[in-house]
């Protein structure tokens, strides 16, 4: 449950965006996998708090796909919408 997670409001919003908008592993479809991207919340929160722009967020997400998740290079255009939502959390 969200109220038991160790995230503040920003972290919860990032978690939601990662699951609903990014979700390269379709984790949102499996309730047991809802924490699949939790390790990415703190680094993204730090980037957002530091004022990172869309391009930095796109690069970071793309790098996670390529290195951590072993995704083939899918390009970054589909990440623009996700990055915009994440950057908007910073205010």
PDB file of N, CA and C in Angstrom:
ATOM      1  N   UNK A   1       0.838  -1.178   0.000  1.00  0.00           N
ATOM      2  CA  UNK A   1       0.000   0.000   0.000  1.00  0.00           C
ATOM      3  C   UNK A   1       0.882   1.241   0.000  1.00  0.00           C
ATOM      4  N   UNK A   2       0.436   2.253  -0.705  1.00  0.00           N
ATOM      5  CA  UNK A   2       1.226   3.464  -0.874  1.00  0.00           C
ATOM      6  C   UNK A   2       1.564   4.129   0.458  1.00  0.00           C
ATOM      7  N   UNK A   3       0.647   4.074   1.426  1.00  0.00           N
ATOM      8  CA  UNK A   3       0.906   4.756   2.686  1.00  0.00           C
ATOM      9  C   UNK A   3       1.973   4.043   3.520  1.00  0.00           C
ATOM     10  N   UNK A   4       2.402   2.857   3.119  1.00  0.00           N
ATOM     11  CA  UNK A   4       3.434   2.134   3.836  1.00  0.00           C
ATOM     12  C   UNK A   4       4.796   2.284   3.159  1.00  0.00           C
ATOM     13  N   UNK A   5       4.847   2.934   2.033  1.00  0.00           N
ATOM     14  CA  UNK A   5       6.094   3.092   1.307  1.00  0.00           C
ATOM     15  C   UNK A   5       6.951   4.174   1.954  1.00  0.00           C
ATOM     16  N   UNK A   6       8.273   4.021   1.869  1.00  0.00           N
ATOM     17  CA  UNK A   6       9.166   5.012   2.475  1.00  0.00           C
ATOM     18  C   UNK A   6       9.424   6.216   1.574  1.00  0.00           C
ATOM     19  N   UNK A   7       8.410   6.648   0.851  1.00  0.00           N
ATOM     20  CA  UNK A   7       8.570   7.767  -0.070  1.00  0.00           C
ATOM     21  C   UNK A   7       7.738   8.952   0.393  1.00  0.00           C
ATOM     22  N   UNK A   8       8.270  10.158   0.136  1.00  0.00           N
ATOM     23  CA  UNK A   8       7.498  11.359   0.369  1.00  0.00           C
ATOM     24  C   UNK A   8       6.558  11.567  -0.826  1.00  0.00           C
ATOM     25  N   UNK A   9       5.875  12.698  -0.869  1.00  0.00           N
ATOM     26  CA  UNK A   9       4.912  12.951  -1.951  1.00  0.00           C
ATOM     27  C   UNK A   9       5.589  12.937  -3.326  1.00  0.00           C
ATOM     28  N   UNK A  10       6.791  13.516  -3.418  1.00  0.00           N
ATOM     29  CA  UNK A  10       7.509  13.507  -4.686  1.00  0.00           C
ATOM     30  C   UNK A  10       7.839  12.078  -5.090  1.00  0.00           C
ATOM     31  N   UNK A  11       8.335  11.288  -4.163  1.00  0.00           N
ATOM     32  CA  UNK A  11       8.676   9.899  -4.450  1.00  0.00           C
ATOM     33  C   UNK A  11       7.477   9.089  -4.904  1.00  0.00           C
ATOM     34  N   UNK A  12       6.352   9.298  -4.259  1.00  0.00           N
ATOM     35  CA  UNK A  12       5.133   8.577  -4.656  1.00  0.00           C
ATOM     36  C   UNK A  12       4.698   8.979  -6.061  1.00  0.00           C
ATOM     37  N   UNK A  13       4.829  10.262  -6.384  1.00  0.00           N
ATOM     38  CA  UNK A  13       4.456  10.725  -7.726  1.00  0.00           C
ATOM     39  C   UNK A  13       5.404  10.143  -8.779  1.00  0.00           C
ATOM     40  N   UNK A  14       6.686  10.092  -8.470  1.00  0.00           N
ATOM     41  CA  UNK A  14       7.654   9.499  -9.395  1.00  0.00           C
ATOM     42  C   UNK A  14       7.334   8.029  -9.595  1.00  0.00           C
ATOM     43  N   UNK A  15       7.088   7.325  -8.514  1.00  0.00           N
ATOM     44  CA  UNK A  15       6.757   5.893  -8.582  1.00  0.00           C
ATOM     45  C   UNK A  15       5.555   5.666  -9.488  1.00  0.00           C
ATOM     46  N   UNK A  16       4.539   6.486  -9.327  1.00  0.00           N
ATOM     47  CA  UNK A  16       3.326   6.364 -10.140  1.00  0.00           C
ATOM     48  C   UNK A  16       3.639   6.584 -11.626  1.00  0.00           C
ATOM     49  N   UNK A  17       4.423   7.613 -11.927  1.00  0.00           N
ATOM     50  CA  UNK A  17       4.773   7.901 -13.321  1.00  0.00           C
ATOM     51  C   UNK A  17       5.589   6.761 -13.920  1.00  0.00           C
ATOM     52  N   UNK A  18       6.526   6.233 -13.151  1.00  0.00           N
ATOM     53  CA  UNK A  18       7.328   5.121 -13.669  1.00  0.00           C
ATOM     54  C   UNK A  18       6.447   3.915 -13.991  1.00  0.00           C
ATOM     55  N   UNK A  19       5.493   3.634 -13.138  1.00  0.00           N
ATOM     56  CA  UNK A  19       4.602   2.488 -13.366  1.00  0.00           C
ATOM     57  C   UNK A  19       3.573   2.747 -14.460  1.00  0.00           C
ATOM     58  N   UNK A  20       2.999   3.920 -14.475  1.00  0.00           N
ATOM     59  CA  UNK A  20       1.897   4.190 -15.407  1.00  0.00           C
ATOM     60  C   UNK A  20       2.362   4.674 -16.777  1.00  0.00           C
ATOM     61  N   UNK A  21       3.488   5.368 -16.831  1.00  0.00           N
ATOM     62  CA  UNK A  21       3.893   5.989 -18.089  1.00  0.00           C
ATOM     63  C   UNK A  21       5.166   5.409 -18.704  1.00  0.00           C
ATOM     64  N   UNK A  22       6.079   4.948 -17.876  1.00  0.00           N
ATOM     65  CA  UNK A  22       7.334   4.396 -18.405  1.00  0.00           C
ATOM     66  C   UNK A  22       7.205   2.882 -18.530  1.00  0.00           C
ATOM     67  N   UNK A  23       7.187   2.164 -17.464  1.00  0.00           N
ATOM     68  CA  UNK A  23       6.901   0.733 -17.321  1.00  0.00           C
ATOM     69  C   UNK A  23       7.414  -0.178 -18.442  1.00  0.00           C
ATOM     70  N   UNK A  24       8.712  -0.222 -18.676  1.00  0.00           N
ATOM     71  CA  UNK A  24       9.232  -1.060 -19.752  1.00  0.00           C
ATOM     72  C   UNK A  24       9.029  -2.560 -19.537  1.00  0.00           C
ATOM     73  N   UNK A  25       8.733  -2.976 -18.311  1.00  0.00           N
ATOM     74  CA  UNK A  25       8.524  -4.399 -18.032  1.00  0.00           C
ATOM     75  C   UNK A  25       7.064  -4.753 -17.770  1.00  0.00           C
ATOM     76  N   UNK A  26       6.164  -3.836 -18.038  1.00  0.00           N
ATOM     77  CA  UNK A  26       4.741  -4.066 -17.789  1.00  0.00           C
ATOM     78  C   UNK A  26       4.466  -4.494 -16.346  1.00  0.00           C
ATOM     79  N   UNK A  27       5.194  -3.928 -15.416  1.00  0.00           N
ATOM     80  CA  UNK A  27       5.040  -4.259 -14.005  1.00  0.00           C
ATOM     81  C   UNK A  27       3.680  -3.824 -13.463  1.00  0.00           C
ATOM     82  N   UNK A  28       3.091  -2.802 -14.049  1.00  0.00           N
ATOM     83  CA  UNK A  28       1.804  -2.303 -13.564  1.00  0.00           C
ATOM     84  C   UNK A  28       0.702  -3.345 -13.697  1.00  0.00           C
ATOM     85  N   UNK A  29       0.896  -4.287 -14.574  1.00  0.00           N
ATOM     86  CA  UNK A  29      -0.113  -5.337 -14.787  1.00  0.00           C
ATOM     87  C   UNK A  29      -0.117  -6.386 -13.693  1.00  0.00           C
ATOM     88  N   UNK A  30       0.955  -6.453 -12.920  1.00  0.00           N
ATOM     89  CA  UNK A  30       1.092  -7.472 -11.882  1.00  0.00           C
ATOM     90  C   UNK A  30       1.242  -6.780 -10.537  1.00  0.00           C
ATOM     91  N   UNK A  31       0.231  -6.825  -9.697  1.00  0.00           N
ATOM     92  CA  UNK A  31       0.301  -6.116  -8.413  1.00  0.00           C
ATOM     93  C   UNK A  31       1.553  -6.443  -7.600  1.00  0.00           C
ATOM     94  N   UNK A  32       2.016  -7.668  -7.655  1.00  0.00           N
ATOM     95  CA  UNK A  32       3.202  -8.067  -6.899  1.00  0.00           C
ATOM     96  C   UNK A  32       4.469  -7.380  -7.401  1.00  0.00           C
ATOM     97  N   UNK A  33       4.434  -6.866  -8.620  1.00  0.00           N
ATOM     98  CA  UNK A  33       5.608  -6.210  -9.206  1.00  0.00           C
ATOM     99  C   UNK A  33       5.522  -4.696  -9.122  1.00  0.00           C
ATOM    100  N   UNK A  34       4.613  -4.169  -8.349  1.00  0.00           N
ATOM    101  CA  UNK A  34       4.416  -2.720  -8.302  1.00  0.00           C
ATOM    102  C   UNK A  34       5.634  -1.957  -7.790  1.00  0.00           C
ATOM    103  N   UNK A  35       6.541  -2.641  -7.133  1.00  0.00           N
ATOM    104  CA  UNK A  35       7.757  -1.993  -6.644  1.00  0.00           C
ATOM    105  C   UNK A  35       8.954  -2.193  -7.555  1.00  0.00           C
ATOM    106  N   UNK A  36       8.713  -2.649  -8.765  1.00  0.00           N
ATOM    107  CA  UNK A  36       9.795  -2.984  -9.698  1.00  0.00           C
ATOM    108  C   UNK A  36      10.765  -1.842  -9.949  1.00  0.00           C
ATOM    109  N   UNK A  37      10.292  -0.614  -9.898  1.00  0.00           N
ATOM    110  CA  UNK A  37      11.144   0.534 -10.217  1.00  0.00           C
ATOM    111  C   UNK A  37      11.480   1.383  -8.995  1.00  0.00           C
ATOM    112  N   UNK A  38      11.200   0.871  -7.815  1.00  0.00           N
ATOM    113  CA  UNK A  38      11.414   1.653  -6.595  1.00  0.00           C
ATOM    114  C   UNK A  38      12.867   2.095  -6.412  1.00  0.00           C
ATOM    115  N   UNK A  39      13.819   1.311  -6.903  1.00  0.00           N
ATOM    116  CA  UNK A  39      15.224   1.698  -6.775  1.00  0.00           C
ATOM    117  C   UNK A  39      15.547   2.943  -7.605  1.00  0.00           C
ATOM    118  N   UNK A  40      14.688   3.278  -8.553  1.00  0.00           N
ATOM    119  CA  UNK A  40      14.916   4.434  -9.413  1.00  0.00           C
ATOM    120  C   UNK A  40      14.310   5.714  -8.850  1.00  0.00           C
ATOM    121  N   UNK A  41      13.481   5.600  -7.835  1.00  0.00           N
ATOM    122  CA  UNK A  41      12.765   6.763  -7.296  1.00  0.00           C
ATOM    123  C   UNK A  41      13.721   7.780  -6.678  1.00  0.00           C
ATOM    124  N   UNK A  42      14.596   7.348  -5.793  1.00  0.00           N
ATOM    125  CA  UNK A  42      15.492   8.294  -5.108  1.00  0.00           C
ATOM    126  C   UNK A  42      16.421   9.018  -6.084  1.00  0.00           C
ATOM    127  N   UNK A  43      17.070   8.323  -7.028  1.00  0.00           N
ATOM    128  CA  UNK A  43      17.921   9.063  -7.968  1.00  0.00           C
ATOM    129  C   UNK A  43      17.141  10.074  -8.806  1.00  0.00           C
ATOM    130  N   UNK A  44      15.944   9.693  -9.238  1.00  0.00           N
ATOM    131  CA  UNK A  44      15.131  10.631 -10.018  1.00  0.00           C
ATOM    132  C   UNK A  44      14.678  11.808  -9.164  1.00  0.00           C
ATOM    133  N   UNK A  45      14.317  11.550  -7.918  1.00  0.00           N
ATOM    134  CA  UNK A  45      13.917  12.637  -7.017  1.00  0.00           C
ATOM    135  C   UNK A  45      15.066  13.620  -6.837  1.00  0.00           C
ATOM    136  N   UNK A  46      16.270  13.102  -6.683  1.00  0.00           N
ATOM    137  CA  UNK A  46      17.440  13.977  -6.533  1.00  0.00           C
ATOM    138  C   UNK A  46      17.656  14.809  -7.790  1.00  0.00           C
ATOM    139  N   UNK A  47      17.488  14.197  -8.942  1.00  0.00           N
ATOM    140  CA  UNK A  47      17.647  14.929 -10.199  1.00  0.00           C
ATOM    141  C   UNK A  47      16.601  16.033 -10.319  1.00  0.00           C
ATOM    142  N   UNK A  48      15.356  15.699  -9.987  1.00  0.00           N
ATOM    143  CA  UNK A  48      14.266  16.669 -10.079  1.00  0.00           C
ATOM    144  C   UNK A  48      14.504  17.822  -9.103  1.00  0.00           C
ATOM    145  N   UNK A  49      14.887  17.498  -7.888  1.00  0.00           N
ATOM    146  CA  UNK A  49      15.151  18.547  -6.890  1.00  0.00           C
ATOM    147  C   UNK A  49      16.313  19.442  -7.298  1.00  0.00           C
ATOM    148  N   UNK A  50      17.259  18.879  -8.051  1.00  0.00           N
ATOM    149  CA  UNK A  50      18.418  19.649  -8.507  1.00  0.00           C
ATOM    150  C   UNK A  50      18.114  20.452  -9.774  1.00  0.00           C
ATOM    151  N   UNK A  51      16.900  20.316 -10.290  1.00  0.00           N
ATOM    152  CA  UNK A  51      16.511  21.095 -11.454  1.00  0.00           C
ATOM    153  C   UNK A  51      16.864  20.474 -12.797  1.00  0.00           C
ATOM    154  N   UNK A  52      17.041  19.164 -12.843  1.00  0.00           N
ATOM    155  CA  UNK A  52      17.367  18.495 -14.106  1.00  0.00           C
ATOM    156  C   UNK A  52      16.281  18.760 -15.142  1.00  0.00           C
ATOM    157  N   UNK A  53      16.703  18.907 -16.373  1.00  0.00           N
ATOM    158  CA  UNK A  53      15.772  19.133 -17.468  1.00  0.00           C
ATOM    159  C   UNK A  53      15.338  17.834 -18.122  1.00  0.00           C
ATOM    160  N   UNK A  54      14.454  17.979 -19.102  1.00  0.00           N
ATOM    161  CA  UNK A  54      13.922  16.810 -19.802  1.00  0.00           C
ATOM    162  C   UNK A  54      15.022  15.943 -20.399  1.00  0.00           C
ATOM    163  N   UNK A  55      16.003  16.573 -21.032  1.00  0.00           N
ATOM    164  CA  UNK A  55      17.051  15.806 -21.711  1.00  0.00           C
ATOM    165  C   UNK A  55      17.830  14.937 -20.727  1.00  0.00           C
ATOM    166  N   UNK A  56      18.132  15.479 -19.555  1.00  0.00           N
ATOM    167  CA  UNK A  56      18.861  14.709 -18.542  1.00  0.00           C
ATOM    168  C   UNK A  56      18.032  13.528 -18.055  1.00  0.00           C
ATOM    169  N   UNK A  57      16.744  13.748 -17.865  1.00  0.00           N
ATOM    170  CA  UNK A  57      15.852  12.669 -17.418  1.00  0.00           C
ATOM    171  C   UNK A  57      15.737  11.605 -18.512  1.00  0.00           C
ATOM    172  N   UNK A  58      15.571  12.038 -19.736  1.00  0.00           N
ATOM    173  CA  UNK A  58      15.491  11.103 -20.865  1.00  0.00           C
ATOM    174  C   UNK A  58      16.755  10.256 -20.930  1.00  0.00           C
ATOM    175  N   UNK A  59      17.895  10.897 -20.846  1.00  0.00           N
ATOM    176  CA  UNK A  59      19.166  10.165 -20.898  1.00  0.00           C
ATOM    177  C   UNK A  59      19.260   9.155 -19.767  1.00  0.00           C
ATOM    178  N   UNK A  60      18.857   9.564 -18.574  1.00  0.00           N
ATOM    179  CA  UNK A  60      18.935   8.685 -17.408  1.00  0.00           C
ATOM    180  C   UNK A  60      18.021   7.477 -17.577  1.00  0.00           C
ATOM    181  N   UNK A  61      16.772   7.691 -17.986  1.00  0.00           N
ATOM    182  CA  UNK A  61      15.843   6.577 -18.194  1.00  0.00           C
ATOM    183  C   UNK A  61      16.336   5.649 -19.302  1.00  0.00           C
ATOM    184  N   UNK A  62      16.823   6.240 -20.375  1.00  0.00           N
ATOM    185  CA  UNK A  62      17.318   5.430 -21.495  1.00  0.00           C
ATOM    186  C   UNK A  62      18.508   4.583 -21.061  1.00  0.00           C
ATOM    187  N   UNK A  63      19.370   5.164 -20.274  1.00  0.00           N
ATOM    188  CA  UNK A  63      20.521   4.417 -19.765  1.00  0.00           C
ATOM    189  C   UNK A  63      20.071   3.250 -18.885  1.00  0.00           C
ATOM    190  N   UNK A  64      19.045   3.453 -18.058  1.00  0.00           N
ATOM    191  CA  UNK A  64      18.525   2.366 -17.219  1.00  0.00           C
ATOM    192  C   UNK A  64      17.975   1.240 -18.096  1.00  0.00           C
ATOM    193  N   UNK A  65      17.301   1.611 -19.163  1.00  0.00           N
ATOM    194  CA  UNK A  65      16.761   0.602 -20.066  1.00  0.00           C
ATOM    195  C   UNK A  65      17.882  -0.205 -20.709  1.00  0.00           C
ATOM    196  N   UNK A  66      18.911   0.467 -21.129  1.00  0.00           N
ATOM    197  CA  UNK A  66      20.010  -0.209 -21.850  1.00  0.00           C
ATOM    198  C   UNK A  66      20.896  -1.021 -20.916  1.00  0.00           C
ATOM    199  N   UNK A  67      21.261  -0.491 -19.762  1.00  0.00           N
ATOM    200  CA  UNK A  67      22.201  -1.175 -18.874  1.00  0.00           C
ATOM    201  C   UNK A  67      21.514  -2.101 -17.876  1.00  0.00           C
ATOM    202  N   UNK A  68      20.649  -1.547 -17.086  1.00  0.00           N
ATOM    203  CA  UNK A  68      20.045  -2.315 -16.011  1.00  0.00           C
ATOM    204  C   UNK A  68      19.025  -3.324 -16.517  1.00  0.00           C
ATOM    205  N   UNK A  69      18.268  -2.940 -17.516  1.00  0.00           N
ATOM    206  CA  UNK A  69      17.202  -3.804 -17.988  1.00  0.00           C
ATOM    207  C   UNK A  69      17.554  -4.541 -19.272  1.00  0.00           C
ATOM    208  N   UNK A  70      18.743  -4.299 -19.776  1.00  0.00           N
ATOM    209  CA  UNK A  70      19.217  -4.985 -20.976  1.00  0.00           C
ATOM    210  C   UNK A  70      18.274  -4.823 -22.163  1.00  0.00           C
ATOM    211  N   UNK A  71      17.678  -3.665 -22.302  1.00  0.00           N
ATOM    212  CA  UNK A  71      16.805  -3.395 -23.447  1.00  0.00           C
ATOM    213  C   UNK A  71      17.655  -3.046 -24.656  1.00  0.00           C
ATOM    214  N   UNK A  72      17.235  -3.477 -25.833  1.00  0.00           N
ATOM    215  CA  UNK A  72      17.936  -3.007 -27.032  1.00  0.00           C
ATOM    216  C   UNK A  72      17.694  -1.507 -27.182  1.00  0.00           C
ATOM    217  N   UNK A  73      18.474  -0.870 -27.976  1.00  0.00           N
ATOM    218  CA  UNK A  73      18.310   0.564 -28.169  1.00  0.00           C
ATOM    219  C   UNK A  73      16.991   0.839 -28.880  1.00  0.00           C
ATOM    220  N   UNK A  74      16.054   1.383 -28.150  1.00  0.00           N
ATOM    221  CA  UNK A  74      14.728   1.685 -28.694  1.00  0.00           C
ATOM    222  C   UNK A  74      14.585   3.154 -29.046  1.00  0.00           C
ATOM    223  N   UNK A  75      15.634   3.918 -28.868  1.00  0.00           N
ATOM    224  CA  UNK A  75      15.528   5.347 -29.093  1.00  0.00           C
ATOM    225  C   UNK A  75      14.954   6.031 -27.867  1.00  0.00           C
ATOM    226  N   UNK A  76      14.807   7.338 -27.967  1.00  0.00           N
ATOM    227  CA  UNK A  76      14.370   8.089 -26.790  1.00  0.00           C
ATOM    228  C   UNK A  76      13.089   8.887 -26.995  1.00  0.00           C
ATOM    229  N   UNK A  77      12.558   8.930 -28.191  1.00  0.00           N
ATOM    230  CA  UNK A  77      11.383   9.760 -28.452  1.00  0.00           C
ATOM    231  C   UNK A  77      10.214   9.413 -27.531  1.00  0.00           C
ATOM    232  N   UNK A  78      10.019   8.142 -27.256  1.00  0.00           N
ATOM    233  CA  UNK A  78       8.899   7.722 -26.411  1.00  0.00           C
ATOM    234  C   UNK A  78       9.085   8.148 -24.959  1.00  0.00           C
ATOM    235  N   UNK A  79      10.301   8.575 -24.595  1.00  0.00           N
ATOM    236  CA  UNK A  79      10.588   8.993 -23.224  1.00  0.00           C
ATOM    237  C   UNK A  79      10.302  10.471 -22.975  1.00  0.00           C
ATOM    238  N   UNK A  80      10.038  11.228 -24.017  1.00  0.00           N
ATOM    239  CA  UNK A  80       9.816  12.670 -23.875  1.00  0.00           C
ATOM    240  C   UNK A  80       8.619  12.945 -22.962  1.00  0.00           C
ATOM    241  N   UNK A  81       7.520  12.267 -23.190  1.00  0.00           N
ATOM    242  CA  UNK A  81       6.316  12.483 -22.376  1.00  0.00           C
ATOM    243  C   UNK A  81       6.565  12.136 -20.909  1.00  0.00           C
ATOM    244  N   UNK A  82       7.272  11.051 -20.669  1.00  0.00           N
ATOM    245  CA  UNK A  82       7.596  10.634 -19.304  1.00  0.00           C
ATOM    246  C   UNK A  82       8.482  11.686 -18.641  1.00  0.00           C
ATOM    247  N   UNK A  83       9.502  12.129 -19.354  1.00  0.00           N
ATOM    248  CA  UNK A  83      10.411  13.138 -18.800  1.00  0.00           C
ATOM    249  C   UNK A  83       9.680  14.437 -18.495  1.00  0.00           C
ATOM    250  N   UNK A  84       8.773  14.841 -19.357  1.00  0.00           N
ATOM    251  CA  UNK A  84       8.011  16.081 -19.110  1.00  0.00           C
ATOM    252  C   UNK A  84       7.215  15.959 -17.807  1.00  0.00           C
ATOM    253  N   UNK A  85       6.583  14.822 -17.606  1.00  0.00           N
ATOM    254  CA  UNK A  85       5.808  14.619 -16.385  1.00  0.00           C
ATOM    255  C   UNK A  85       6.716  14.650 -15.155  1.00  0.00           C
ATOM    256  N   UNK A  86       7.867  14.018 -15.262  1.00  0.00           N
ATOM    257  CA  UNK A  86       8.785  13.999 -14.127  1.00  0.00           C
ATOM    258  C   UNK A  86       9.341  15.389 -13.830  1.00  0.00           C
ATOM    259  N   UNK A  87       9.761  16.110 -14.854  1.00  0.00           N
ATOM    260  CA  UNK A  87      10.296  17.461 -14.660  1.00  0.00           C
ATOM    261  C   UNK A  87       9.222  18.371 -14.044  1.00  0.00           C
ATOM    262  N   UNK A  88       7.986  18.211 -14.474  1.00  0.00           N
ATOM    263  CA  UNK A  88       6.888  19.044 -13.963  1.00  0.00           C
ATOM    264  C   UNK A  88       6.687  18.857 -12.455  1.00  0.00           C
ATOM    265  N   UNK A  89       7.096  17.738 -11.915  1.00  0.00           N
ATOM    266  CA  UNK A  89       6.976  17.510 -10.469  1.00  0.00           C
ATOM    267  C   UNK A  89       7.849  18.464  -9.671  1.00  0.00           C
ATOM    268  N   UNK A  90       8.889  18.971 -10.314  1.00  0.00           N
ATOM    269  CA  UNK A  90       9.807  19.882  -9.626  1.00  0.00           C
ATOM    270  C   UNK A  90       9.283  21.297  -9.537  1.00  0.00           C
ATOM    271  N   UNK A  91       8.216  21.518 -10.227  1.00  0.00           N
ATOM    272  CA  UNK A  91       7.587  22.746 -10.013  1.00  0.00           C
ATOM    273  C   UNK A  91       7.525  23.853 -10.896  1.00  0.00           C
TER     274      UNK A  91
END
